[in-house]
Amino acid sequence: MKPSDLVQGTLDLLILKIVTLEPLHAWAIIERLHQISGDVLQVSDGSLYPALHKLEQNGWIKSEWRVTENGRRAKYYAPTGAGKEALAREAANWDRLSEAVGKVLRFVEN
């Protein structure tokens, strides 16, 4: 599934969740999302970087330059306190939305 197939704002939620597990650089975020989703969700650089930039502008993530396990410099992303609060709030909204969609899809008229 590509980002264009996702409900708007979902990529932000997924990124926040992933960097809450551990600070990661962009390529590792893409790989982790792919891995955790069982190869269903795939995000391109063209979708990821604008989302990271927006999350950083909103104050939900912070970044710092570090050296990767391969010896390269990369920007690592981690949630801020506001980002952790946003994750909890947005995850609850997502749960409500997905439950409501499920109810509609399972609805059978008598």
N, C-alpha and C. Protein backbone atom coordinates (compact mmCIF):
# COMPACT_ATOMS: atom_id res chain seq x y z
N MET A 1 0.86 -1.16 0.00
CA MET A 1 0.00 0.00 0.00
C MET A 1 0.91 1.23 0.00
N LYS A 2 0.61 2.16 -0.86
CA LYS A 2 1.40 3.37 -0.99
C LYS A 2 0.81 4.48 -0.14
N PRO A 3 1.62 5.51 0.20
CA PRO A 3 1.11 6.61 1.03
C PRO A 3 -0.15 7.25 0.47
N SER A 4 -0.28 7.31 -0.86
CA SER A 4 -1.47 7.92 -1.44
C SER A 4 -2.72 7.12 -1.12
N ASP A 5 -2.55 5.85 -0.76
CA ASP A 5 -3.68 5.00 -0.39
C ASP A 5 -4.07 5.17 1.07
N LEU A 6 -3.23 5.82 1.86
CA LEU A 6 -3.47 5.97 3.29
C LEU A 6 -4.35 7.18 3.56
N VAL A 7 -5.12 7.10 4.61
CA VAL A 7 -5.90 8.24 5.06
C VAL A 7 -4.93 9.37 5.41
N GLN A 8 -5.28 10.59 5.03
CA GLN A 8 -4.40 11.73 5.30
C GLN A 8 -4.07 11.80 6.79
N GLY A 9 -2.82 12.01 7.10
CA GLY A 9 -2.38 12.09 8.49
C GLY A 9 -1.90 10.77 9.05
N THR A 10 -2.20 9.67 8.36
CA THR A 10 -1.81 8.36 8.86
C THR A 10 -0.29 8.18 8.84
N LEU A 11 0.37 8.69 7.81
CA LEU A 11 1.82 8.55 7.74
C LEU A 11 2.47 9.25 8.93
N ASP A 12 1.96 10.42 9.30
CA ASP A 12 2.50 11.12 10.47
C ASP A 12 2.37 10.26 11.72
N LEU A 13 1.21 9.65 11.88
CA LEU A 13 0.96 8.78 13.04
C LEU A 13 1.93 7.60 13.04
N LEU A 14 2.13 6.98 11.89
CA LEU A 14 3.02 5.82 11.80
C LEU A 14 4.48 6.22 12.09
N ILE A 15 4.90 7.35 11.56
CA ILE A 15 6.26 7.83 11.83
C ILE A 15 6.45 8.09 13.32
N LEU A 16 5.47 8.77 13.91
CA LEU A 16 5.56 9.05 15.35
C LEU A 16 5.69 7.77 16.16
N LYS A 17 4.90 6.77 15.81
CA LYS A 17 4.95 5.49 16.53
C LYS A 17 6.32 4.85 16.39
N ILE A 18 6.84 4.83 15.17
CA ILE A 18 8.11 4.17 14.92
C ILE A 18 9.26 4.85 15.65
N VAL A 19 9.31 6.18 15.62
CA VAL A 19 10.43 6.86 16.30
C VAL A 19 10.24 6.87 17.81
N THR A 20 9.04 6.57 18.29
CA THR A 20 8.83 6.43 19.73
C THR A 20 9.45 5.12 20.22
N LEU A 21 9.49 4.12 19.35
CA LEU A 21 10.11 2.84 19.71
C LEU A 21 11.61 3.00 19.89
N GLU A 22 12.24 3.79 19.01
CA GLU A 22 13.66 4.13 19.12
C GLU A 22 13.99 5.21 18.09
N PRO A 23 14.93 6.10 18.41
CA PRO A 23 15.32 7.12 17.43
C PRO A 23 15.93 6.45 16.20
N LEU A 24 15.51 6.88 15.03
CA LEU A 24 15.99 6.28 13.78
C LEU A 24 16.24 7.35 12.73
N HIS A 25 17.07 7.02 11.75
CA HIS A 25 17.27 7.91 10.60
C HIS A 25 16.22 7.54 9.54
N ALA A 26 16.09 8.38 8.52
CA ALA A 26 15.00 8.26 7.55
C ALA A 26 14.94 6.88 6.89
N TRP A 27 16.07 6.39 6.39
CA TRP A 27 16.07 5.10 5.71
C TRP A 27 15.61 4.00 6.66
N ALA A 28 16.05 4.06 7.91
CA ALA A 28 15.66 3.05 8.90
C ALA A 28 14.17 3.15 9.23
N ILE A 29 13.61 4.36 9.19
CA ILE A 29 12.16 4.52 9.42
C ILE A 29 11.40 3.81 8.31
N ILE A 30 11.82 4.01 7.07
CA ILE A 30 11.17 3.34 5.93
C ILE A 30 11.26 1.83 6.08
N GLU A 31 12.43 1.34 6.42
CA GLU A 31 12.64 -0.10 6.57
C GLU A 31 11.81 -0.67 7.72
N ARG A 32 11.77 0.05 8.82
CA ARG A 32 11.01 -0.42 10.00
C ARG A 32 9.52 -0.47 9.70
N LEU A 33 9.01 0.54 9.02
CA LEU A 33 7.60 0.56 8.64
C LEU A 33 7.28 -0.62 7.73
N HIS A 34 8.14 -0.86 6.79
CA HIS A 34 7.99 -1.98 5.86
C HIS A 34 7.99 -3.30 6.63
N GLN A 35 8.93 -3.45 7.54
CA GLN A 35 9.08 -4.68 8.33
C GLN A 35 7.87 -4.91 9.23
N ILE A 36 7.50 -3.91 10.02
CA ILE A 36 6.41 -4.06 10.98
C ILE A 36 5.08 -4.33 10.28
N SER A 37 4.87 -3.71 9.11
CA SER A 37 3.60 -3.87 8.40
C SER A 37 3.53 -5.16 7.60
N GLY A 38 4.56 -5.98 7.69
CA GLY A 38 4.57 -7.22 6.93
C GLY A 38 4.65 -6.97 5.43
N ASP A 39 5.43 -5.99 5.04
CA ASP A 39 5.66 -5.62 3.64
C ASP A 39 4.43 -5.01 2.96
N VAL A 40 3.44 -4.59 3.72
CA VAL A 40 2.23 -4.01 3.14
C VAL A 40 2.41 -2.52 2.88
N LEU A 41 2.97 -1.80 3.85
CA LEU A 41 3.13 -0.35 3.72
C LEU A 41 4.51 -0.01 3.19
N GLN A 42 4.53 0.79 2.12
CA GLN A 42 5.78 1.20 1.53
C GLN A 42 5.75 2.71 1.37
N VAL A 43 6.79 3.36 1.84
CA VAL A 43 6.86 4.82 1.80
C VAL A 43 8.10 5.23 1.02
N SER A 44 7.93 6.16 0.12
CA SER A 44 9.06 6.66 -0.66
C SER A 44 9.70 7.84 0.07
N ASP A 45 10.92 8.15 -0.34
CA ASP A 45 11.60 9.33 0.19
C ASP A 45 10.76 10.58 -0.04
N GLY A 46 10.10 10.63 -1.19
CA GLY A 46 9.30 11.79 -1.56
C GLY A 46 8.10 12.01 -0.65
N SER A 47 7.66 10.98 0.03
CA SER A 47 6.58 11.11 1.01
C SER A 47 7.13 11.27 2.43
N LEU A 48 8.21 10.55 2.71
CA LEU A 48 8.75 10.54 4.07
C LEU A 48 9.34 11.89 4.48
N TYR A 49 10.20 12.46 3.64
CA TYR A 49 10.89 13.69 4.05
C TYR A 49 9.95 14.86 4.30
N PRO A 50 8.93 15.08 3.46
CA PRO A 50 7.98 16.15 3.79
C PRO A 50 7.24 15.89 5.11
N ALA A 51 6.92 14.62 5.37
CA ALA A 51 6.23 14.28 6.63
C ALA A 51 7.16 14.53 7.82
N LEU A 52 8.41 14.14 7.71
CA LEU A 52 9.37 14.40 8.79
C LEU A 52 9.53 15.90 9.02
N HIS A 53 9.62 16.64 7.94
CA HIS A 53 9.77 18.10 8.05
C HIS A 53 8.56 18.71 8.75
N LYS A 54 7.36 18.27 8.36
CA LYS A 54 6.14 18.78 8.98
C LYS A 54 6.08 18.42 10.46
N LEU A 55 6.42 17.19 10.81
CA LEU A 55 6.41 16.77 12.22
C LEU A 55 7.41 17.58 13.04
N GLU A 56 8.56 17.87 12.43
CA GLU A 56 9.57 18.66 13.14
C GLU A 56 9.09 20.11 13.30
N GLN A 57 8.47 20.67 12.27
CA GLN A 57 7.93 22.04 12.36
C GLN A 57 6.82 22.14 13.41
N ASN A 58 6.02 21.08 13.54
CA ASN A 58 4.95 21.05 14.54
C ASN A 58 5.47 20.85 15.95
N GLY A 59 6.76 20.52 16.08
CA GLY A 59 7.35 20.30 17.39
C GLY A 59 7.06 18.91 17.94
N TRP A 60 6.68 17.98 17.06
CA TRP A 60 6.35 16.62 17.50
C TRP A 60 7.55 15.68 17.47
N ILE A 61 8.55 16.02 16.65
CA ILE A 61 9.80 15.26 16.65
C ILE A 61 10.96 16.24 16.67
N LYS A 62 12.11 15.73 17.10
CA LYS A 62 13.34 16.51 17.07
C LYS A 62 14.37 15.66 16.33
N SER A 63 15.40 16.30 15.86
CA SER A 63 16.43 15.56 15.12
C SER A 63 17.82 15.95 15.60
N GLU A 64 18.73 15.03 15.40
CA GLU A 64 20.14 15.31 15.67
C GLU A 64 21.00 14.45 14.75
N TRP A 65 22.13 15.00 14.37
CA TRP A 65 23.06 14.28 13.51
C TRP A 65 23.85 13.29 14.35
N ARG A 66 23.92 12.05 13.84
CA ARG A 66 24.70 10.99 14.48
C ARG A 66 25.41 10.19 13.39
N VAL A 67 26.29 9.33 13.82
CA VAL A 67 26.96 8.41 12.91
C VAL A 67 26.19 7.09 12.93
N THR A 68 25.87 6.57 11.75
CA THR A 68 25.13 5.30 11.65
C THR A 68 26.05 4.13 11.92
N GLU A 69 25.45 2.94 11.97
CA GLU A 69 26.23 1.72 12.16
C GLU A 69 27.19 1.47 10.99
N ASN A 70 26.93 2.12 9.84
CA ASN A 70 27.81 2.00 8.67
C ASN A 70 28.87 3.09 8.61
N GLY A 71 28.93 3.93 9.65
CA GLY A 71 29.93 4.98 9.69
C GLY A 71 29.55 6.26 8.93
N ARG A 72 28.30 6.36 8.50
CA ARG A 72 27.86 7.56 7.79
C ARG A 72 27.12 8.48 8.74
N ARG A 73 27.13 9.76 8.42
CA ARG A 73 26.36 10.73 9.20
C ARG A 73 24.92 10.73 8.70
N ALA A 74 23.99 10.72 9.64
CA ALA A 74 22.57 10.76 9.28
C ALA A 74 21.81 11.49 10.37
N LYS A 75 20.69 12.06 9.98
CA LYS A 75 19.84 12.76 10.93
C LYS A 75 18.91 11.72 11.56
N TYR A 76 18.97 11.63 12.89
CA TYR A 76 18.13 10.71 13.64
C TYR A 76 16.94 11.48 14.21
N TYR A 77 15.79 10.86 14.19
CA TYR A 77 14.56 11.49 14.65
C TYR A 77 14.03 10.79 15.89
N ALA A 78 13.52 11.59 16.83
CA ALA A 78 12.94 11.07 18.07
C ALA A 78 11.76 11.96 18.43
N PRO A 79 10.79 11.42 19.16
CA PRO A 79 9.62 12.24 19.52
C PRO A 79 9.96 13.23 20.63
N THR A 80 9.25 14.33 20.65
CA THR A 80 9.32 15.27 21.76
C THR A 80 8.20 14.89 22.73
N GLY A 81 8.13 15.57 23.85
CA GLY A 81 7.02 15.34 24.78
C GLY A 81 5.69 15.62 24.10
N ALA A 82 5.64 16.71 23.33
CA ALA A 82 4.42 17.05 22.59
C ALA A 82 4.10 15.97 21.56
N GLY A 83 5.13 15.38 20.97
CA GLY A 83 4.94 14.32 19.99
C GLY A 83 4.35 13.07 20.62
N LYS A 84 4.80 12.74 21.82
CA LYS A 84 4.26 11.58 22.52
C LYS A 84 2.79 11.81 22.88
N GLU A 85 2.47 13.04 23.28
CA GLU A 85 1.07 13.37 23.57
C GLU A 85 0.23 13.30 22.29
N ALA A 86 0.78 13.81 21.20
CA ALA A 86 0.06 13.77 19.92
C ALA A 86 -0.15 12.33 19.48
N LEU A 87 0.84 11.48 19.68
CA LEU A 87 0.71 10.08 19.31
C LEU A 87 -0.44 9.43 20.06
N ALA A 88 -0.51 9.65 21.36
CA ALA A 88 -1.59 9.07 22.16
C ALA A 88 -2.95 9.57 21.67
N ARG A 89 -3.04 10.86 21.42
CA ARG A 89 -4.30 11.47 20.97
C ARG A 89 -4.69 10.95 19.58
N GLU A 90 -3.73 10.95 18.66
CA GLU A 90 -4.02 10.53 17.28
C GLU A 90 -4.28 9.03 17.19
N ALA A 91 -3.61 8.23 18.01
CA ALA A 91 -3.87 6.79 18.03
C ALA A 91 -5.29 6.52 18.51
N ALA A 92 -5.74 7.26 19.51
CA ALA A 92 -7.12 7.11 20.00
C ALA A 92 -8.11 7.51 18.91
N ASN A 93 -7.81 8.60 18.19
CA ASN A 93 -8.68 9.01 17.07
C ASN A 93 -8.72 7.95 15.99
N TRP A 94 -7.55 7.37 15.69
CA TRP A 94 -7.47 6.32 14.68
C TRP A 94 -8.30 5.11 15.10
N ASP A 95 -8.20 4.72 16.36
CA ASP A 95 -8.99 3.59 16.86
C ASP A 95 -10.48 3.84 16.68
N ARG A 96 -10.94 5.05 17.02
CA ARG A 96 -12.36 5.40 16.87
C ARG A 96 -12.78 5.37 15.40
N LEU A 97 -11.94 5.94 14.54
CA LEU A 97 -12.24 5.98 13.12
C LEU A 97 -12.29 4.59 12.52
N SER A 98 -11.30 3.76 12.82
CA SER A 98 -11.26 2.42 12.23
C SER A 98 -12.40 1.56 12.76
N GLU A 99 -12.78 1.75 14.01
CA GLU A 99 -13.92 1.02 14.56
C GLU A 99 -15.22 1.44 13.85
N ALA A 100 -15.38 2.73 13.62
CA ALA A 100 -16.58 3.23 12.93
C ALA A 100 -16.64 2.72 11.49
N VAL A 101 -15.52 2.73 10.79
CA VAL A 101 -15.48 2.22 9.43
C VAL A 101 -15.81 0.73 9.43
N GLY A 102 -15.25 -0.01 10.38
CA GLY A 102 -15.55 -1.43 10.48
C GLY A 102 -17.02 -1.70 10.71
N LYS A 103 -17.67 -0.90 11.54
CA LYS A 103 -19.11 -1.05 11.79
C LYS A 103 -19.90 -0.87 10.51
N VAL A 104 -19.54 0.15 9.76
CA VAL A 104 -20.24 0.40 8.49
C VAL A 104 -20.04 -0.76 7.53
N LEU A 105 -18.81 -1.24 7.42
CA LEU A 105 -18.53 -2.34 6.49
C LEU A 105 -19.18 -3.65 6.90
N ARG A 106 -19.37 -3.86 8.19
CA ARG A 106 -19.99 -5.10 8.66
C ARG A 106 -21.52 -5.01 8.75
N PHE A 107 -22.06 -3.81 8.55
CA PHE A 107 -23.49 -3.60 8.70
C PHE A 107 -24.29 -4.39 7.67
N VAL A 108 -25.27 -5.10 8.15
CA VAL A 108 -26.17 -5.84 7.27
C VAL A 108 -27.59 -5.42 7.62
N GLU A 109 -28.34 -4.99 6.60
CA GLU A 109 -29.72 -4.60 6.85
C GLU A 109 -30.58 -5.85 6.96
N ASN A 110 -31.54 -5.77 7.85
CA ASN A 110 -32.46 -6.91 8.03
C ASN A 110 -33.58 -6.87 7.04
